[in-house]
Amino acid sequence: MQDISRTLAVIILAAGLGKRMKSHKAKVLHEIAGKPMLYYVIDAAVKLTEENVYVVVGFQSDIVQISMNPYFNVHYVSQEEQLGTGHAVSCAIPFLPESVNDVIILCGDTPLIKASTLNNFLKYHQDQQNDITLLAVNMLNPTGYGRLLMDTDRRVTGIVEEADANSEQRKLNIVNAGIYCINKQLLKDSLGFLDTRNAQHEMYLTDVVGIGDRLGKKIGALISEDSCETIGINSQEDLKVAEIQMLRQTKS
């Protein structure tokens, strides 16, 4: 555990408002089973590394930090403008220690993710000696999710967001769960190539995968058939579904 704590960092993206929540509260502050959803993501992260957890905050950053301070001693990084997931990660990179080799990137709105899953994910990344590993899910209905692009050897070549996907790409069923493990130096180098030439005019973190492919890096995916753990909370309905699932996990 000590070696992992030194060589691993976890970046949690928690800067957004979440307009579809129809609330004046930052998305990650909405509660599930009595605690802000961000609590559960940080709780999973600190079980991998207590020293190197970096939470990127923006909207209501002070309130987010105050709400987490009684539970965790983690680092906070400010994203002054919300210019996309790639930009959010780039805000945290300068603060990572030299000792860090790999970076796991999580979203603050995925409260059902388990530490055991992340530990298995990291082990897979290291055992496969990947430069980039994605957590992916095979979904019967992939509507709304970015699709994984893979070659005939099942090697990941990129991710296409649904808004940018063509009709053939939208038929793909293996989707990006939004959880990554990336070599720190590759991540740092790749972020410098990001641009905003896409439907959302944002810096997509997903573009790092395509950049890695062009650089000839080894990119793989750990594919799950269970989408429950990686469900993202984007609405009040999602919040209710997550609470039901959280209670089921607690009882099991």
C-alpha atoms as a PDB file:
ATOM      1  CA  MET A   1       0.000   0.000   0.000  1.00  0.00           C
ATOM      2  CA  GLN A   2       2.824   2.378   0.823  1.00  0.00           C
ATOM      3  CA  ASP A   3       4.481   1.947  -2.580  1.00  0.00           C
ATOM      4  CA  ILE A   4       1.170   2.522  -4.378  1.00  0.00           C
ATOM      5  CA  SER A   5       0.551   5.635  -2.281  1.00  0.00           C
ATOM      6  CA  ARG A   6       3.809   7.138  -3.488  1.00  0.00           C
ATOM      7  CA  THR A   7       3.622   6.203  -7.159  1.00  0.00           C
ATOM      8  CA  LEU A   8      -0.115   6.723  -7.774  1.00  0.00           C
ATOM      9  CA  ALA A   9      -2.168   9.901  -7.854  1.00  0.00           C
ATOM     10  CA  VAL A  10      -5.940  10.170  -8.201  1.00  0.00           C
ATOM     11  CA  ILE A  11      -7.539  13.217  -9.813  1.00  0.00           C
ATOM     12  CA  ILE A  12     -11.264  13.680  -9.177  1.00  0.00           C
ATOM     13  CA  LEU A  13     -13.185  16.055 -11.440  1.00  0.00           C
ATOM     14  CA  ALA A  14     -15.696  17.954  -9.310  1.00  0.00           C
ATOM     15  CA  ALA A  15     -15.885  21.474 -10.725  1.00  0.00           C
ATOM     16  CA  GLY A  16     -19.238  21.539 -12.519  1.00  0.00           C
ATOM     17  CA  LEU A  17     -22.647  22.965 -11.675  1.00  0.00           C
ATOM     18  CA  GLY A  18     -24.630  20.188 -13.334  1.00  0.00           C
ATOM     19  CA  LYS A  19     -27.408  22.179 -15.020  1.00  0.00           C
ATOM     20  CA  ARG A  20     -29.601  19.122 -15.557  1.00  0.00           C
ATOM     21  CA  MET A  21     -29.869  18.697 -11.783  1.00  0.00           C
ATOM     22  CA  LYS A  22     -32.104  21.818 -11.849  1.00  0.00           C
ATOM     23  CA  SER A  23     -30.597  23.024  -8.605  1.00  0.00           C
ATOM     24  CA  HIS A  24     -28.489  25.954  -7.401  1.00  0.00           C
ATOM     25  CA  LYS A  25     -26.185  23.498  -5.640  1.00  0.00           C
ATOM     26  CA  ALA A  26     -22.959  22.135  -7.135  1.00  0.00           C
ATOM     27  CA  LYS A  27     -23.650  18.721  -8.656  1.00  0.00           C
ATOM     28  CA  VAL A  28     -21.249  16.816  -6.377  1.00  0.00           C
ATOM     29  CA  LEU A  29     -22.962  18.217  -3.254  1.00  0.00           C
ATOM     30  CA  HIS A  30     -26.264  16.486  -3.953  1.00  0.00           C
ATOM     31  CA  GLU A  31     -26.747  13.806  -1.327  1.00  0.00           C
ATOM     32  CA  ILE A  32     -27.091  10.049  -1.498  1.00  0.00           C
ATOM     33  CA  ALA A  33     -27.930   8.225   1.727  1.00  0.00           C
ATOM     34  CA  GLY A  34     -27.207  11.353   3.740  1.00  0.00           C
ATOM     35  CA  LYS A  35     -23.805  12.266   2.279  1.00  0.00           C
ATOM     36  CA  PRO A  36     -22.730  14.353  -0.756  1.00  0.00           C
ATOM     37  CA  MET A  37     -22.038  12.103  -3.736  1.00  0.00           C
ATOM     38  CA  LEU A  38     -18.443  13.371  -3.826  1.00  0.00           C
ATOM     39  CA  TYR A  39     -17.887  11.772  -0.412  1.00  0.00           C
ATOM     40  CA  TYR A  40     -18.182   8.278  -1.878  1.00  0.00           C
ATOM     41  CA  VAL A  41     -15.770   8.955  -4.743  1.00  0.00           C
ATOM     42  CA  ILE A  42     -13.114  10.386  -2.423  1.00  0.00           C
ATOM     43  CA  ASP A  43     -13.653   7.531   0.019  1.00  0.00           C
ATOM     44  CA  ALA A  44     -12.855   5.025  -2.743  1.00  0.00           C
ATOM     45  CA  ALA A  45      -9.825   7.051  -3.881  1.00  0.00           C
ATOM     46  CA  VAL A  46      -8.154   7.396  -0.481  1.00  0.00           C
ATOM     47  CA  LYS A  47      -8.223   3.636  -0.064  1.00  0.00           C
ATOM     48  CA  LEU A  48      -5.695   3.509  -2.923  1.00  0.00           C
ATOM     49  CA  THR A  49      -3.567   6.495  -1.941  1.00  0.00           C
ATOM     50  CA  GLU A  50      -4.113   8.693   1.084  1.00  0.00           C
ATOM     51  CA  GLU A  51      -1.350  11.102   0.098  1.00  0.00           C
ATOM     52  CA  ASN A  52      -2.074  11.934  -3.528  1.00  0.00           C
ATOM     53  CA  VAL A  53      -5.773  12.589  -4.049  1.00  0.00           C
ATOM     54  CA  TYR A  54      -6.459  15.836  -5.938  1.00  0.00           C
ATOM     55  CA  VAL A  55     -10.013  17.159  -6.249  1.00  0.00           C
ATOM     56  CA  VAL A  56     -10.562  19.711  -9.020  1.00  0.00           C
ATOM     57  CA  VAL A  57     -13.172  22.210  -7.842  1.00  0.00           C
ATOM     58  CA  GLY A  58     -14.830  25.196  -9.486  1.00  0.00           C
ATOM     59  CA  PHE A  59     -18.472  26.045  -8.891  1.00  0.00           C
ATOM     60  CA  GLN A  60     -19.070  26.623  -5.143  1.00  0.00           C
ATOM     61  CA  SER A  61     -15.513  25.451  -4.488  1.00  0.00           C
ATOM     62  CA  ASP A  62     -15.449  26.758  -0.906  1.00  0.00           C
ATOM     63  CA  ILE A  63     -18.645  24.918   0.007  1.00  0.00           C
ATOM     64  CA  VAL A  64     -17.398  21.716  -1.624  1.00  0.00           C
ATOM     65  CA  GLN A  65     -14.187  21.833   0.404  1.00  0.00           C
ATOM     66  CA  ILE A  66     -15.955  22.663   3.658  1.00  0.00           C
ATOM     67  CA  SER A  67     -18.369  19.760   3.156  1.00  0.00           C
ATOM     68  CA  MET A  68     -15.477  17.288   2.687  1.00  0.00           C
ATOM     69  CA  ASN A  69     -13.048  18.601   5.327  1.00  0.00           C
ATOM     70  CA  PRO A  70     -14.634  16.698   8.261  1.00  0.00           C
ATOM     71  CA  TYR A  71     -14.049  13.426   6.407  1.00  0.00           C
ATOM     72  CA  PHE A  72     -10.872  13.685   4.321  1.00  0.00           C
ATOM     73  CA  ASN A  73      -7.516  15.418   4.149  1.00  0.00           C
ATOM     74  CA  VAL A  74      -7.066  15.710   0.381  1.00  0.00           C
ATOM     75  CA  HIS A  75      -5.687  18.325  -2.000  1.00  0.00           C
ATOM     76  CA  TYR A  76      -7.937  20.795  -3.828  1.00  0.00           C
ATOM     77  CA  VAL A  77      -7.152  22.388  -7.172  1.00  0.00           C
ATOM     78  CA  SER A  78      -9.112  25.297  -8.616  1.00  0.00           C
ATOM     79  CA  GLN A  79     -10.471  25.299 -12.168  1.00  0.00           C
ATOM     80  CA  GLU A  80     -11.407  28.954 -12.594  1.00  0.00           C
ATOM     81  CA  GLU A  81     -13.143  28.424 -15.951  1.00  0.00           C
ATOM     82  CA  GLN A  82     -14.935  25.226 -16.900  1.00  0.00           C
ATOM     83  CA  LEU A  83     -13.306  24.573 -20.271  1.00  0.00           C
ATOM     84  CA  GLY A  84     -13.761  20.809 -20.353  1.00  0.00           C
ATOM     85  CA  THR A  85     -12.463  17.652 -18.707  1.00  0.00           C
ATOM     86  CA  GLY A  86      -9.052  17.915 -20.360  1.00  0.00           C
ATOM     87  CA  HIS A  87      -8.622  21.428 -19.026  1.00  0.00           C
ATOM     88  CA  ALA A  88      -9.698  20.284 -15.543  1.00  0.00           C
ATOM     89  CA  VAL A  89      -7.004  17.599 -15.461  1.00  0.00           C
ATOM     90  CA  SER A  90      -4.386  20.040 -16.731  1.00  0.00           C
ATOM     91  CA  CYS A  91      -5.112  22.258 -13.714  1.00  0.00           C
ATOM     92  CA  ALA A  92      -4.042  19.437 -11.364  1.00  0.00           C
ATOM     93  CA  ILE A  93      -0.957  18.182 -13.221  1.00  0.00           C
ATOM     94  CA  PRO A  94       1.503  20.808 -11.867  1.00  0.00           C
ATOM     95  CA  PHE A  95       0.751  19.725  -8.287  1.00  0.00           C
ATOM     96  CA  LEU A  96       1.521  16.017  -8.707  1.00  0.00           C
ATOM     97  CA  PRO A  97       4.694  14.814  -6.938  1.00  0.00           C
ATOM     98  CA  GLU A  98       7.720  13.636  -8.914  1.00  0.00           C
ATOM     99  CA  SER A  99       7.301  10.162  -7.401  1.00  0.00           C
ATOM    100  CA  VAL A 100       3.985   9.601  -9.203  1.00  0.00           C
ATOM    101  CA  ASN A 101       4.113   7.257 -12.204  1.00  0.00           C
ATOM    102  CA  ASP A 102       0.413   6.601 -12.879  1.00  0.00           C
ATOM    103  CA  VAL A 103      -2.680   8.773 -12.558  1.00  0.00           C
ATOM    104  CA  ILE A 104      -6.231   7.502 -12.105  1.00  0.00           C
ATOM    105  CA  ILE A 105      -8.862  10.007 -13.185  1.00  0.00           C
ATOM    106  CA  LEU A 106     -12.371   9.820 -11.721  1.00  0.00           C
ATOM    107  CA  CYS A 107     -15.542  11.874 -11.991  1.00  0.00           C
ATOM    108  CA  GLY A 108     -17.045  13.289  -8.817  1.00  0.00           C
ATOM    109  CA  ASP A 109     -20.532  12.263  -9.963  1.00  0.00           C
ATOM    110  CA  THR A 110     -19.934   8.475  -9.932  1.00  0.00           C
ATOM    111  CA  PRO A 111     -20.661   7.685  -6.268  1.00  0.00           C
ATOM    112  CA  LEU A 112     -21.160   3.937  -6.715  1.00  0.00           C
ATOM    113  CA  ILE A 113     -17.568   3.209  -7.738  1.00  0.00           C
ATOM    114  CA  LYS A 114     -15.847   0.808  -5.331  1.00  0.00           C
ATOM    115  CA  ALA A 115     -12.261   0.892  -4.089  1.00  0.00           C
ATOM    116  CA  SER A 116     -11.942  -2.820  -4.936  1.00  0.00           C
ATOM    117  CA  THR A 117     -12.873  -2.087  -8.555  1.00  0.00           C
ATOM    118  CA  LEU A 118     -10.300   0.693  -8.761  1.00  0.00           C
ATOM    119  CA  ASN A 119      -7.667  -1.557  -7.216  1.00  0.00           C
ATOM    120  CA  ASN A 120      -8.383  -4.273  -9.806  1.00  0.00           C
ATOM    121  CA  PHE A 121      -8.337  -1.622 -12.528  1.00  0.00           C
ATOM    122  CA  LEU A 122      -4.902  -0.373 -11.436  1.00  0.00           C
ATOM    123  CA  LYS A 123      -3.573  -3.935 -11.217  1.00  0.00           C
ATOM    124  CA  TYR A 124      -4.823  -4.665 -14.748  1.00  0.00           C
ATOM    125  CA  HIS A 125      -3.150  -1.473 -16.030  1.00  0.00           C
ATOM    126  CA  GLN A 126       0.166  -2.428 -14.449  1.00  0.00           C
ATOM    127  CA  ASP A 127       0.027  -6.139 -15.307  1.00  0.00           C
ATOM    128  CA  GLN A 128      -0.677  -5.316 -18.967  1.00  0.00           C
ATOM    129  CA  GLN A 129       2.070  -2.662 -18.909  1.00  0.00           C
ATOM    130  CA  ASN A 130      -0.311  -0.236 -20.567  1.00  0.00           C
ATOM    131  CA  ASP A 131       0.387   3.441 -21.093  1.00  0.00           C
ATOM    132  CA  ILE A 132      -3.357   4.166 -20.928  1.00  0.00           C
ATOM    133  CA  THR A 133      -6.136   1.954 -19.593  1.00  0.00           C
ATOM    134  CA  LEU A 134      -9.834   2.762 -19.693  1.00  0.00           C
ATOM    135  CA  LEU A 135     -12.627   1.308 -17.646  1.00  0.00           C
ATOM    136  CA  ALA A 136     -15.357   0.489 -20.143  1.00  0.00           C
ATOM    137  CA  VAL A 137     -18.826  -1.043 -20.053  1.00  0.00           C
ATOM    138  CA  ASN A 138     -20.667  -3.210 -22.558  1.00  0.00           C
ATOM    139  CA  MET A 139     -24.162  -1.705 -22.708  1.00  0.00           C
ATOM    140  CA  LEU A 140     -27.283  -2.847 -24.536  1.00  0.00           C
ATOM    141  CA  ASN A 141     -28.397   0.779 -24.789  1.00  0.00           C
ATOM    142  CA  PRO A 142     -25.320   3.010 -25.082  1.00  0.00           C
ATOM    143  CA  THR A 143     -27.273   6.200 -25.824  1.00  0.00           C
ATOM    144  CA  GLY A 144     -25.606   9.266 -24.323  1.00  0.00           C
ATOM    145  CA  TYR A 145     -22.175   7.701 -23.818  1.00  0.00           C
ATOM    146  CA  GLY A 146     -18.881   8.043 -25.643  1.00  0.00           C
ATOM    147  CA  ARG A 147     -18.024   4.956 -27.702  1.00  0.00           C
ATOM    148  CA  LEU A 148     -14.707   3.100 -27.641  1.00  0.00           C
ATOM    149  CA  LEU A 149     -12.997   2.742 -31.001  1.00  0.00           C
ATOM    150  CA  MET A 150     -10.904  -0.442 -31.266  1.00  0.00           C
ATOM    151  CA  ASP A 151      -8.874  -2.139 -33.966  1.00  0.00           C
ATOM    152  CA  THR A 152      -9.118  -5.812 -34.965  1.00  0.00           C
ATOM    153  CA  ASP A 153      -6.777  -6.764 -32.097  1.00  0.00           C
ATOM    154  CA  ARG A 154      -9.139  -5.103 -29.574  1.00  0.00           C
ATOM    155  CA  ARG A 155      -6.591  -2.379 -28.988  1.00  0.00           C
ATOM    156  CA  VAL A 156      -8.196   0.964 -28.150  1.00  0.00           C
ATOM    157  CA  THR A 157      -7.528   3.611 -30.791  1.00  0.00           C
ATOM    158  CA  GLY A 158      -9.787   6.386 -29.528  1.00  0.00           C
ATOM    159  CA  ILE A 159     -13.063   7.515 -28.007  1.00  0.00           C
ATOM    160  CA  VAL A 160     -15.775   9.392 -29.838  1.00  0.00           C
ATOM    161  CA  GLU A 161     -18.367  11.372 -27.905  1.00  0.00           C
ATOM    162  CA  GLU A 162     -21.926  10.703 -29.009  1.00  0.00           C
ATOM    163  CA  ALA A 163     -22.387  14.285 -30.207  1.00  0.00           C
ATOM    164  CA  ASP A 164     -19.432  13.805 -32.569  1.00  0.00           C
ATOM    165  CA  ALA A 165     -20.116  10.168 -33.575  1.00  0.00           C
ATOM    166  CA  ASN A 166     -21.283   9.081 -37.006  1.00  0.00           C
ATOM    167  CA  SER A 167     -24.127   6.601 -37.547  1.00  0.00           C
ATOM    168  CA  GLU A 168     -21.825   3.540 -37.552  1.00  0.00           C
ATOM    169  CA  GLN A 169     -19.989   4.613 -34.414  1.00  0.00           C
ATOM    170  CA  ARG A 170     -23.277   5.102 -32.587  1.00  0.00           C
ATOM    171  CA  LYS A 171     -24.047   1.415 -33.118  1.00  0.00           C
ATOM    172  CA  LEU A 172     -21.059   0.430 -30.964  1.00  0.00           C
ATOM    173  CA  ASN A 173     -21.968  -0.985 -27.556  1.00  0.00           C
ATOM    174  CA  ILE A 174     -18.719  -0.672 -25.608  1.00  0.00           C
ATOM    175  CA  VAL A 175     -18.782   2.716 -23.930  1.00  0.00           C
ATOM    176  CA  ASN A 176     -16.371   4.847 -21.993  1.00  0.00           C
ATOM    177  CA  ALA A 177     -17.065   4.783 -18.240  1.00  0.00           C
ATOM    178  CA  GLY A 178     -15.065   7.993 -17.730  1.00  0.00           C
ATOM    179  CA  ILE A 179     -12.403   6.330 -15.557  1.00  0.00           C
ATOM    180  CA  TYR A 180      -8.810   6.297 -16.760  1.00  0.00           C
ATOM    181  CA  CYS A 181      -5.370   5.180 -15.628  1.00  0.00           C
ATOM    182  CA  ILE A 182      -2.624   6.982 -17.534  1.00  0.00           C
ATOM    183  CA  ASN A 183       1.149   7.210 -17.322  1.00  0.00           C
ATOM    184  CA  LYS A 184       1.827  10.628 -15.804  1.00  0.00           C
ATOM    185  CA  GLN A 185       4.380  11.790 -18.354  1.00  0.00           C
ATOM    186  CA  LEU A 186       2.199  10.728 -21.279  1.00  0.00           C
ATOM    187  CA  LEU A 187      -0.774  12.494 -19.701  1.00  0.00           C
ATOM    188  CA  LYS A 188       1.245  15.652 -19.215  1.00  0.00           C
ATOM    189  CA  ASP A 189       2.539  15.596 -22.785  1.00  0.00           C
ATOM    190  CA  SER A 190      -0.840  14.735 -24.346  1.00  0.00           C
ATOM    191  CA  LEU A 191      -2.734  17.527 -22.606  1.00  0.00           C
ATOM    192  CA  GLY A 192      -0.613  20.013 -24.547  1.00  0.00           C
ATOM    193  CA  PHE A 193      -2.123  18.740 -27.816  1.00  0.00           C
ATOM    194  CA  LEU A 194      -5.784  19.168 -26.828  1.00  0.00           C
ATOM    195  CA  ASP A 195      -7.991  21.639 -28.679  1.00  0.00           C
ATOM    196  CA  THR A 196     -11.657  22.649 -28.756  1.00  0.00           C
ATOM    197  CA  ARG A 197     -12.545  21.540 -32.288  1.00  0.00           C
ATOM    198  CA  ASN A 198     -15.627  19.509 -31.331  1.00  0.00           C
ATOM    199  CA  ALA A 199     -19.375  19.884 -30.875  1.00  0.00           C
ATOM    200  CA  GLN A 200     -19.060  21.162 -27.295  1.00  0.00           C
ATOM    201  CA  HIS A 201     -16.080  23.485 -27.963  1.00  0.00           C
ATOM    202  CA  GLU A 202     -14.314  22.013 -24.951  1.00  0.00           C
ATOM    203  CA  MET A 203     -10.989  20.313 -24.240  1.00  0.00           C
ATOM    204  CA  TYR A 204     -11.987  16.644 -24.085  1.00  0.00           C
ATOM    205  CA  LEU A 205      -9.914  14.385 -21.859  1.00  0.00           C
ATOM    206  CA  THR A 206     -11.044  11.556 -24.143  1.00  0.00           C
ATOM    207  CA  ASP A 207      -8.865  12.994 -26.933  1.00  0.00           C
ATOM    208  CA  VAL A 208      -5.802  11.927 -24.923  1.00  0.00           C
ATOM    209  CA  VAL A 209      -6.564   8.356 -26.035  1.00  0.00           C
ATOM    210  CA  GLY A 210      -6.395   9.259 -29.722  1.00  0.00           C
ATOM    211  CA  ILE A 211      -3.179  11.203 -29.124  1.00  0.00           C
ATOM    212  CA  GLY A 212      -1.689   8.203 -27.346  1.00  0.00           C
ATOM    213  CA  ASP A 213      -2.658   6.001 -30.300  1.00  0.00           C
ATOM    214  CA  ARG A 214      -0.928   8.335 -32.763  1.00  0.00           C
ATOM    215  CA  LEU A 215       2.187   8.229 -30.575  1.00  0.00           C
ATOM    216  CA  GLY A 216       2.162   4.424 -30.707  1.00  0.00           C
ATOM    217  CA  LYS A 217       1.417   3.954 -26.999  1.00  0.00           C
ATOM    218  CA  LYS A 218      -0.119   0.803 -25.563  1.00  0.00           C
ATOM    219  CA  ILE A 219      -3.787   1.458 -24.828  1.00  0.00           C
ATOM    220  CA  GLY A 220      -6.168  -1.095 -23.358  1.00  0.00           C
ATOM    221  CA  ALA A 221      -9.562  -1.350 -21.720  1.00  0.00           C
ATOM    222  CA  LEU A 222     -10.910  -3.347 -18.821  1.00  0.00           C
ATOM    223  CA  ILE A 223     -14.448  -4.114 -19.973  1.00  0.00           C
ATOM    224  CA  SER A 224     -17.264  -4.762 -17.520  1.00  0.00           C
ATOM    225  CA  GLU A 225     -20.777  -6.040 -18.156  1.00  0.00           C
ATOM    226  CA  ASP A 226     -22.039  -4.199 -15.043  1.00  0.00           C
ATOM    227  CA  SER A 227     -22.771  -0.505 -15.560  1.00  0.00           C
ATOM    228  CA  CYS A 228     -24.102   0.131 -12.036  1.00  0.00           C
ATOM    229  CA  GLU A 229     -20.805   1.174 -10.457  1.00  0.00           C
ATOM    230  CA  THR A 230     -19.977   3.686 -13.155  1.00  0.00           C
ATOM    231  CA  ILE A 231     -23.372   5.339 -13.475  1.00  0.00           C
ATOM    232  CA  GLY A 232     -22.990   9.117 -13.689  1.00  0.00           C
ATOM    233  CA  ILE A 233     -25.446  11.357 -11.859  1.00  0.00           C
ATOM    234  CA  ASN A 234     -26.863  13.958 -14.219  1.00  0.00           C
ATOM    235  CA  SER A 235     -30.428  14.444 -12.988  1.00  0.00           C
ATOM    236  CA  GLN A 236     -32.662  14.108  -9.956  1.00  0.00           C
ATOM    237  CA  GLU A 237     -33.900  10.807 -11.391  1.00  0.00           C
ATOM    238  CA  ASP A 238     -30.320   9.504 -11.590  1.00  0.00           C
ATOM    239  CA  LEU A 239     -29.900  10.530  -7.955  1.00  0.00           C
ATOM    240  CA  LYS A 240     -32.888   8.406  -6.914  1.00  0.00           C
ATOM    241  CA  VAL A 241     -31.620   5.401  -8.868  1.00  0.00           C
ATOM    242  CA  ALA A 242     -28.173   5.733  -7.290  1.00  0.00           C
ATOM    243  CA  GLU A 243     -29.648   5.932  -3.797  1.00  0.00           C
ATOM    244  CA  ILE A 244     -31.587   2.701  -4.349  1.00  0.00           C
ATOM    245  CA  GLN A 245     -28.440   1.002  -5.631  1.00  0.00           C
ATOM    246  CA  MET A 246     -26.388   2.369  -2.718  1.00  0.00           C
ATOM    247  CA  LEU A 247     -28.856   0.921  -0.217  1.00  0.00           C
ATOM    248  CA  ARG A 248     -28.697  -2.438  -2.001  1.00  0.00           C
ATOM    249  CA  GLN A 249     -24.898  -2.402  -1.771  1.00  0.00           C
ATOM    250  CA  THR A 250     -25.073  -1.572   1.925  1.00  0.00           C
ATOM    251  CA  LYS A 251     -27.404  -4.496   2.640  1.00  0.00           C
ATOM    252  CA  SER A 252     -25.432  -7.027   0.583  1.00  0.00           C
END
